[in-house]
Amino acid sequence: SNLQLVFFVPRRLAASPASEDLLFLPLLNEEPLPLPIEPAAGNYFYRWSDFLNYCEPLLLEARSTLSVHK
């Protein structure tokens, strides 16, 4: 399998983009990968900040579960 995250930075912010300005296109085996968050543009372009907000609770839950089972 091949997972790719292709990032797009607006030209006006290319020097120091804020995370909410970054868009990315997730690809699995070079095919667009739908995510369970709202696309920012088209069907498969997502804001990096939305992705981080979605993943953070999942990571905290995983850490909590793993620490209980040590």
PDB file of N, CA and C in Angstrom:
ATOM      1  N   SER A   1       0.828  -1.187   0.000  1.00  0.00           N
ATOM      2  CA  SER A   1       0.000   0.000   0.000  1.00  0.00           C
ATOM      3  C   SER A   1       0.866   1.241   0.000  1.00  0.00           C
ATOM      4  N   ASN A   2       0.297   2.309  -0.499  1.00  0.00           N
ATOM      5  CA  ASN A   2       1.004   3.569  -0.611  1.00  0.00           C
ATOM      6  C   ASN A   2       0.063   4.678  -0.125  1.00  0.00           C
ATOM      7  N   LEU A   3       0.439   5.360   0.944  1.00  0.00           N
ATOM      8  CA  LEU A   3      -0.339   6.491   1.462  1.00  0.00           C
ATOM      9  C   LEU A   3       0.428   7.767   1.171  1.00  0.00           C
ATOM     10  N   GLN A   4      -0.236   8.710   0.527  1.00  0.00           N
ATOM     11  CA  GLN A   4       0.383  10.001   0.216  1.00  0.00           C
ATOM     12  C   GLN A   4      -0.505  11.119   0.738  1.00  0.00           C
ATOM     13  N   LEU A   5       0.123  12.153   1.258  1.00  0.00           N
ATOM     14  CA  LEU A   5      -0.565  13.393   1.632  1.00  0.00           C
ATOM     15  C   LEU A   5       0.080  14.493   0.801  1.00  0.00           C
ATOM     16  N   VAL A   6      -0.668  15.037  -0.142  1.00  0.00           N
ATOM     17  CA  VAL A   6      -0.170  16.083  -1.027  1.00  0.00           C
ATOM     18  C   VAL A   6      -0.671  17.414  -0.499  1.00  0.00           C
ATOM     19  N   PHE A   7       0.260  18.302  -0.101  1.00  0.00           N
ATOM     20  CA  PHE A   7      -0.095  19.577   0.507  1.00  0.00           C
ATOM     21  C   PHE A   7      -0.110  20.697  -0.518  1.00  0.00           C
ATOM     22  N   PHE A   8      -1.057  21.621  -0.334  1.00  0.00           N
ATOM     23  CA  PHE A   8      -1.191  22.786  -1.185  1.00  0.00           C
ATOM     24  C   PHE A   8      -1.156  24.026  -0.292  1.00  0.00           C
ATOM     25  N   VAL A   9      -0.242  24.928  -0.607  1.00  0.00           N
ATOM     26  CA  VAL A   9      -0.072  26.155   0.171  1.00  0.00           C
ATOM     27  C   VAL A   9      -0.423  27.332  -0.728  1.00  0.00           C
ATOM     28  N   PRO A  10      -1.323  28.220  -0.286  1.00  0.00           N
ATOM     29  CA  PRO A  10      -1.619  29.409  -1.096  1.00  0.00           C
ATOM     30  C   PRO A  10      -0.351  30.218  -1.343  1.00  0.00           C
ATOM     31  N   ARG A  11      -0.179  30.715  -2.540  1.00  0.00           N
ATOM     32  CA  ARG A  11       1.039  31.458  -2.881  1.00  0.00           C
ATOM     33  C   ARG A  11       1.286  32.642  -1.956  1.00  0.00           C
ATOM     34  N   ARG A  12       0.228  33.338  -1.594  1.00  0.00           N
ATOM     35  CA  ARG A  12       0.400  34.535  -0.756  1.00  0.00           C
ATOM     36  C   ARG A  12       0.932  34.189   0.625  1.00  0.00           C
ATOM     37  N   LEU A  13       0.797  32.931   1.044  1.00  0.00           N
ATOM     38  CA  LEU A  13       1.238  32.516   2.373  1.00  0.00           C
ATOM     39  C   LEU A  13       2.384  31.510   2.330  1.00  0.00           C
ATOM     40  N   ALA A  14       2.978  31.317   1.181  1.00  0.00           N
ATOM     41  CA  ALA A  14       3.981  30.267   1.028  1.00  0.00           C
ATOM     42  C   ALA A  14       5.168  30.434   1.982  1.00  0.00           C
ATOM     43  N   ALA A  15       5.502  31.658   2.365  1.00  0.00           N
ATOM     44  CA  ALA A  15       6.647  31.861   3.245  1.00  0.00           C
ATOM     45  C   ALA A  15       6.395  31.310   4.644  1.00  0.00           C
ATOM     46  N   SER A  16       5.214  31.526   5.192  1.00  0.00           N
ATOM     47  CA  SER A  16       4.906  31.023   6.533  1.00  0.00           C
ATOM     48  C   SER A  16       3.408  30.751   6.655  1.00  0.00           C
ATOM     49  N   PRO A  17       2.942  29.645   6.071  1.00  0.00           N
ATOM     50  CA  PRO A  17       1.503  29.366   6.104  1.00  0.00           C
ATOM     51  C   PRO A  17       1.021  28.961   7.488  1.00  0.00           C
ATOM     52  N   ALA A  18      -0.174  29.377   7.833  1.00  0.00           N
ATOM     53  CA  ALA A  18      -0.818  28.909   9.060  1.00  0.00           C
ATOM     54  C   ALA A  18      -1.456  27.560   8.754  1.00  0.00           C
ATOM     55  N   SER A  19      -1.575  26.704   9.766  1.00  0.00           N
ATOM     56  CA  SER A  19      -2.090  25.363   9.521  1.00  0.00           C
ATOM     57  C   SER A  19      -3.513  25.386   8.955  1.00  0.00           C
ATOM     58  N   GLU A  20      -4.318  26.404   9.318  1.00  0.00           N
ATOM     59  CA  GLU A  20      -5.687  26.445   8.802  1.00  0.00           C
ATOM     60  C   GLU A  20      -5.724  26.819   7.323  1.00  0.00           C
ATOM     61  N   ASP A  21      -4.624  27.328   6.777  1.00  0.00           N
ATOM     62  CA  ASP A  21      -4.562  27.692   5.370  1.00  0.00           C
ATOM     63  C   ASP A  21      -4.070  26.544   4.495  1.00  0.00           C
ATOM     64  N   LEU A  22      -3.487  25.530   5.094  1.00  0.00           N
ATOM     65  CA  LEU A  22      -2.980  24.404   4.325  1.00  0.00           C
ATOM     66  C   LEU A  22      -4.123  23.490   3.902  1.00  0.00           C
ATOM     67  N   LEU A  23      -4.117  23.124   2.641  1.00  0.00           N
ATOM     68  CA  LEU A  23      -5.037  22.117   2.146  1.00  0.00           C
ATOM     69  C   LEU A  23      -4.212  20.893   1.788  1.00  0.00           C
ATOM     70  N   PHE A  24      -4.822  19.721   1.927  1.00  0.00           N
ATOM     71  CA  PHE A  24      -4.112  18.525   1.500  1.00  0.00           C
ATOM     72  C   PHE A  24      -5.063  17.559   0.836  1.00  0.00           C
ATOM     73  N   LEU A  25      -4.484  16.736  -0.006  1.00  0.00           N
ATOM     74  CA  LEU A  25      -5.210  15.716  -0.740  1.00  0.00           C
ATOM     75  C   LEU A  25      -4.662  14.365  -0.301  1.00  0.00           C
ATOM     76  N   PRO A  26      -5.454  13.555   0.411  1.00  0.00           N
ATOM     77  CA  PRO A  26      -4.980  12.230   0.804  1.00  0.00           C
ATOM     78  C   PRO A  26      -5.181  11.234  -0.341  1.00  0.00           C
ATOM     79  N   LEU A  27      -4.153  10.445  -0.593  1.00  0.00           N
ATOM     80  CA  LEU A  27      -4.209   9.429  -1.643  1.00  0.00           C
ATOM     81  C   LEU A  27      -3.824   8.083  -1.047  1.00  0.00           C
ATOM     82  N   LEU A  28      -4.566   7.063  -1.400  1.00  0.00           N
ATOM     83  CA  LEU A  28      -4.231   5.694  -1.020  1.00  0.00           C
ATOM     84  C   LEU A  28      -4.049   4.918  -2.315  1.00  0.00           C
ATOM     85  N   ASN A  29      -2.850   4.390  -2.491  1.00  0.00           N
ATOM     86  CA  ASN A  29      -2.504   3.717  -3.751  1.00  0.00           C
ATOM     87  C   ASN A  29      -2.810   4.617  -4.956  1.00  0.00           C
ATOM     88  N   GLU A  30      -2.486   5.890  -4.794  1.00  0.00           N
ATOM     89  CA  GLU A  30      -2.616   6.925  -5.822  1.00  0.00           C
ATOM     90  C   GLU A  30      -4.055   7.217  -6.244  1.00  0.00           C
ATOM     91  N   GLU A  31      -5.018   6.823  -5.395  1.00  0.00           N
ATOM     92  CA  GLU A  31      -6.432   7.145  -5.608  1.00  0.00           C
ATOM     93  C   GLU A  31      -6.896   8.057  -4.473  1.00  0.00           C
ATOM     94  N   PRO A  32      -7.755   9.052  -4.755  1.00  0.00           N
ATOM     95  CA  PRO A  32      -8.259   9.924  -3.687  1.00  0.00           C
ATOM     96  C   PRO A  32      -8.896   9.114  -2.558  1.00  0.00           C
ATOM     97  N   LEU A  33      -8.584   9.512  -1.344  1.00  0.00           N
ATOM     98  CA  LEU A  33      -9.060   8.809  -0.150  1.00  0.00           C
ATOM     99  C   LEU A  33     -10.066   9.695   0.582  1.00  0.00           C
ATOM    100  N   PRO A  34     -11.347   9.308   0.628  1.00  0.00           N
ATOM    101  CA  PRO A  34     -12.320  10.114   1.385  1.00  0.00           C
ATOM    102  C   PRO A  34     -12.076   9.991   2.882  1.00  0.00           C
ATOM    103  N   LEU A  35     -12.196  11.097   3.580  1.00  0.00           N
ATOM    104  CA  LEU A  35     -12.014  11.126   5.035  1.00  0.00           C
ATOM    105  C   LEU A  35     -13.344  11.495   5.693  1.00  0.00           C
ATOM    106  N   PRO A  36     -13.521  11.136   6.965  1.00  0.00           N
ATOM    107  CA  PRO A  36     -14.788  11.440   7.652  1.00  0.00           C
ATOM    108  C   PRO A  36     -14.868  12.874   8.181  1.00  0.00           C
ATOM    109  N   ILE A  37     -14.329  13.815   7.432  1.00  0.00           N
ATOM    110  CA  ILE A  37     -14.433  15.233   7.778  1.00  0.00           C
ATOM    111  C   ILE A  37     -14.923  15.985   6.533  1.00  0.00           C
ATOM    112  N   GLU A  38     -15.384  17.200   6.743  1.00  0.00           N
ATOM    113  CA  GLU A  38     -15.930  18.014   5.654  1.00  0.00           C
ATOM    114  C   GLU A  38     -14.813  18.467   4.710  1.00  0.00           C
ATOM    115  N   PRO A  39     -14.939  18.184   3.419  1.00  0.00           N
ATOM    116  CA  PRO A  39     -13.935  18.678   2.467  1.00  0.00           C
ATOM    117  C   PRO A  39     -13.958  20.201   2.394  1.00  0.00           C
ATOM    118  N   ALA A  40     -12.807  20.789   2.170  1.00  0.00           N
ATOM    119  CA  ALA A  40     -12.707  22.240   2.049  1.00  0.00           C
ATOM    120  C   ALA A  40     -12.911  22.686   0.603  1.00  0.00           C
ATOM    121  N   ALA A  41     -12.539  21.827  -0.322  1.00  0.00           N
ATOM    122  CA  ALA A  41     -12.670  22.137  -1.745  1.00  0.00           C
ATOM    123  C   ALA A  41     -12.828  20.830  -2.507  1.00  0.00           C
ATOM    124  N   GLY A  42     -13.725  20.826  -3.463  1.00  0.00           N
ATOM    125  CA  GLY A  42     -13.954  19.597  -4.212  1.00  0.00           C
ATOM    126  C   GLY A  42     -14.430  18.491  -3.282  1.00  0.00           C
ATOM    127  N   ASN A  43     -14.160  17.261  -3.653  1.00  0.00           N
ATOM    128  CA  ASN A  43     -14.578  16.128  -2.833  1.00  0.00           C
ATOM    129  C   ASN A  43     -13.493  15.601  -1.914  1.00  0.00           C
ATOM    130  N   TYR A  44     -12.222  15.894  -2.201  1.00  0.00           N
ATOM    131  CA  TYR A  44     -11.136  15.232  -1.470  1.00  0.00           C
ATOM    132  C   TYR A  44     -10.061  16.167  -0.942  1.00  0.00           C
ATOM    133  N   PHE A  45     -10.263  17.474  -1.014  1.00  0.00           N
ATOM    134  CA  PHE A  45      -9.281  18.415  -0.485  1.00  0.00           C
ATOM    135  C   PHE A  45      -9.739  18.861   0.895  1.00  0.00           C
ATOM    136  N   TYR A  46      -8.872  18.675   1.888  1.00  0.00           N
ATOM    137  CA  TYR A  46      -9.233  18.939   3.283  1.00  0.00           C
ATOM    138  C   TYR A  46      -8.288  19.966   3.889  1.00  0.00           C
ATOM    139  N   ARG A  47      -8.795  20.697   4.896  1.00  0.00           N
ATOM    140  CA  ARG A  47      -7.936  21.614   5.666  1.00  0.00           C
ATOM    141  C   ARG A  47      -7.127  20.788   6.668  1.00  0.00           C
ATOM    142  N   TRP A  48      -5.847  21.106   6.752  1.00  0.00           N
ATOM    143  CA  TRP A  48      -4.974  20.397   7.690  1.00  0.00           C
ATOM    144  C   TRP A  48      -5.454  20.597   9.115  1.00  0.00           C
ATOM    145  N   SER A  49      -5.904  21.793   9.456  1.00  0.00           N
ATOM    146  CA  SER A  49      -6.373  22.083  10.818  1.00  0.00           C
ATOM    147  C   SER A  49      -7.610  21.240  11.157  1.00  0.00           C
ATOM    148  N   ASP A  50      -8.517  21.024  10.206  1.00  0.00           N
ATOM    149  CA  ASP A  50      -9.688  20.173  10.445  1.00  0.00           C
ATOM    150  C   ASP A  50      -9.269  18.725  10.693  1.00  0.00           C
ATOM    151  N   PHE A  51      -8.282  18.278   9.944  1.00  0.00           N
ATOM    152  CA  PHE A  51      -7.772  16.915  10.110  1.00  0.00           C
ATOM    153  C   PHE A  51      -7.143  16.729  11.493  1.00  0.00           C
ATOM    154  N   LEU A  52      -6.356  17.710  11.927  1.00  0.00           N
ATOM    155  CA  LEU A  52      -5.740  17.632  13.262  1.00  0.00           C
ATOM    156  C   LEU A  52      -6.804  17.637  14.355  1.00  0.00           C
ATOM    157  N   ASN A  53      -7.830  18.472  14.205  1.00  0.00           N
ATOM    158  CA  ASN A  53      -8.922  18.514  15.188  1.00  0.00           C
ATOM    159  C   ASN A  53      -9.672  17.191  15.242  1.00  0.00           C
ATOM    160  N   TYR A  54      -9.804  16.520  14.121  1.00  0.00           N
ATOM    161  CA  TYR A  54     -10.469  15.218  14.082  1.00  0.00           C
ATOM    162  C   TYR A  54      -9.595  14.137  14.751  1.00  0.00           C
ATOM    163  N   CYS A  55      -8.303  14.181  14.497  1.00  0.00           N
ATOM    164  CA  CYS A  55      -7.393  13.126  14.976  1.00  0.00           C
ATOM    165  C   CYS A  55      -7.023  13.255  16.455  1.00  0.00           C
ATOM    166  N   GLU A  56      -6.974  14.461  16.980  1.00  0.00           N
ATOM    167  CA  GLU A  56      -6.505  14.659  18.354  1.00  0.00           C
ATOM    168  C   GLU A  56      -7.277  13.829  19.381  1.00  0.00           C
ATOM    169  N   PRO A  57      -8.611  13.841  19.395  1.00  0.00           N
ATOM    170  CA  PRO A  57      -9.323  13.016  20.376  1.00  0.00           C
ATOM    171  C   PRO A  57      -9.070  11.519  20.182  1.00  0.00           C
ATOM    172  N   LEU A  58      -8.907  11.101  18.944  1.00  0.00           N
ATOM    173  CA  LEU A  58      -8.620   9.687  18.679  1.00  0.00           C
ATOM    174  C   LEU A  58      -7.271   9.279  19.250  1.00  0.00           C
ATOM    175  N   LEU A  59      -6.287  10.150  19.098  1.00  0.00           N
ATOM    176  CA  LEU A  59      -4.953   9.863  19.629  1.00  0.00           C
ATOM    177  C   LEU A  59      -4.952   9.863  21.155  1.00  0.00           C
ATOM    178  N   LEU A  60      -5.671  10.803  21.762  1.00  0.00           N
ATOM    179  CA  LEU A  60      -5.753  10.840  23.223  1.00  0.00           C
ATOM    180  C   LEU A  60      -6.421   9.580  23.759  1.00  0.00           C
ATOM    181  N   GLU A  61      -7.472   9.120  23.094  1.00  0.00           N
ATOM    182  CA  GLU A  61      -8.153   7.901  23.505  1.00  0.00           C
ATOM    183  C   GLU A  61      -7.230   6.689  23.360  1.00  0.00           C
ATOM    184  N   ALA A  62      -6.484   6.635  22.277  1.00  0.00           N
ATOM    185  CA  ALA A  62      -5.547   5.521  22.068  1.00  0.00           C
ATOM    186  C   ALA A  62      -4.461   5.520  23.132  1.00  0.00           C
ATOM    187  N   ARG A  63      -3.919   6.692  23.449  1.00  0.00           N
ATOM    188  CA  ARG A  63      -2.886   6.769  24.501  1.00  0.00           C
ATOM    189  C   ARG A  63      -3.442   6.310  25.837  1.00  0.00           C
ATOM    190  N   SER A  64      -4.662   6.745  26.147  1.00  0.00           N
ATOM    191  CA  SER A  64      -5.299   6.360  27.414  1.00  0.00           C
ATOM    192  C   SER A  64      -5.512   4.864  27.470  1.00  0.00           C
ATOM    193  N   THR A  65      -5.999   4.288  26.385  1.00  0.00           N
ATOM    194  CA  THR A  65      -6.251   2.842  26.336  1.00  0.00           C
ATOM    195  C   THR A  65      -4.947   2.069  26.454  1.00  0.00           C
ATOM    196  N   LEU A  66      -3.923   2.503  25.783  1.00  0.00           N
ATOM    197  CA  LEU A  66      -2.638   1.808  25.822  1.00  0.00           C
ATOM    198  C   LEU A  66      -1.986   1.899  27.202  1.00  0.00           C
ATOM    199  N   SER A  67      -2.139   3.049  27.878  1.00  0.00           N
ATOM    200  CA  SER A  67      -1.529   3.192  29.194  1.00  0.00           C
ATOM    201  C   SER A  67      -2.218   2.326  30.228  1.00  0.00           C
ATOM    202  N   VAL A  68      -3.493   2.036  30.063  1.00  0.00           N
ATOM    203  CA  VAL A  68      -4.229   1.174  30.971  1.00  0.00           C
ATOM    204  C   VAL A  68      -3.758  -0.271  30.847  1.00  0.00           C
ATOM    205  N   HIS A  69      -3.348  -0.679  29.676  1.00  0.00           N
ATOM    206  CA  HIS A  69      -2.985  -2.058  29.406  1.00  0.00           C
ATOM    207  C   HIS A  69      -1.489  -2.331  29.567  1.00  0.00           C
ATOM    208  N   LYS A  70      -0.744  -1.452  30.196  1.00  0.00           N
ATOM    209  CA  LYS A  70       0.689  -1.688  30.417  1.00  0.00           C
ATOM    210  C   LYS A  70       0.927  -2.666  31.520  1.00  0.00           C
TER     211      LYS A  70
END
